[in-house]
């Protein structure tokens, strides 16, 4: 396992962590139960087959 040669400063660590950002998932329209709902692509098939309840 890699071991750092020296301690990383607090400001360097925090500025690196501050760059992390999340993105909203892309949504696709799916017909389920007589209505169209927006769900992430990875859930589209499960919603169409009725395995996932959508509010």
Protein backbone atom coordinates (compact mmCIF):
# COMPACT_ATOMS: atom_id res chain seq x y z
CA UNK A 1 0.00 0.00 0.00
CA UNK A 2 1.25 3.48 -0.85
CA UNK A 3 2.35 5.63 2.07
CA UNK A 4 2.70 9.43 1.75
CA UNK A 5 6.21 10.80 2.29
CA UNK A 6 4.99 13.85 4.18
CA UNK A 7 1.89 15.25 5.82
CA UNK A 8 -0.60 17.06 3.58
CA UNK A 9 -1.44 20.50 4.89
CA UNK A 10 -4.94 21.24 6.13
CA UNK A 11 -5.57 23.95 3.53
CA UNK A 12 -4.41 21.70 0.68
CA UNK A 13 -6.67 18.88 1.80
CA UNK A 14 -9.70 21.11 2.24
CA UNK A 15 -9.25 22.89 -1.09
CA UNK A 16 -9.03 19.53 -2.86
CA UNK A 17 -12.21 18.31 -1.19
CA UNK A 18 -14.00 21.56 -2.10
CA UNK A 19 -13.64 20.73 -5.81
CA UNK A 20 -15.94 17.69 -5.57
CA UNK A 21 -19.38 18.38 -6.99
CA UNK A 22 -22.39 16.21 -7.64
CA UNK A 23 -24.51 16.26 -10.76
CA UNK A 24 -28.22 15.60 -11.08
CA UNK A 25 -29.01 12.30 -12.81
CA UNK A 26 -30.32 12.50 -16.35
CA UNK A 27 -34.01 11.57 -16.40
CA UNK A 28 -35.88 9.73 -19.13
CA UNK A 29 -39.65 9.64 -19.62
CA UNK A 30 -41.24 6.22 -18.97
CA UNK A 31 -44.88 5.18 -19.35
CA UNK A 32 -45.93 3.35 -16.20
CA UNK A 33 -49.43 2.66 -14.96
CA UNK A 34 -51.11 4.89 -17.53
CA UNK A 35 -48.97 7.95 -16.82
CA UNK A 36 -45.57 9.26 -17.84
CA UNK A 37 -42.92 9.61 -15.15
CA UNK A 38 -39.31 10.82 -15.23
CA UNK A 39 -36.81 8.30 -13.85
CA UNK A 40 -33.05 7.69 -14.15
CA UNK A 41 -32.15 5.43 -17.10
CA UNK A 42 -30.94 2.63 -14.83
CA UNK A 43 -34.44 2.36 -13.30
CA UNK A 44 -36.45 2.70 -16.52
CA UNK A 45 -36.79 -1.02 -17.20
CA UNK A 46 -37.76 -1.84 -13.60
CA UNK A 47 -40.45 0.87 -13.62
CA UNK A 48 -41.86 -0.38 -16.94
CA UNK A 49 -42.07 -3.93 -15.58
CA UNK A 50 -43.71 -2.74 -12.36
CA UNK A 51 -40.93 -3.88 -10.05
CA UNK A 52 -40.40 -0.34 -8.69
CA UNK A 53 -43.20 1.82 -7.33
CA UNK A 54 -43.11 5.42 -8.51
CA UNK A 55 -44.89 8.13 -6.49
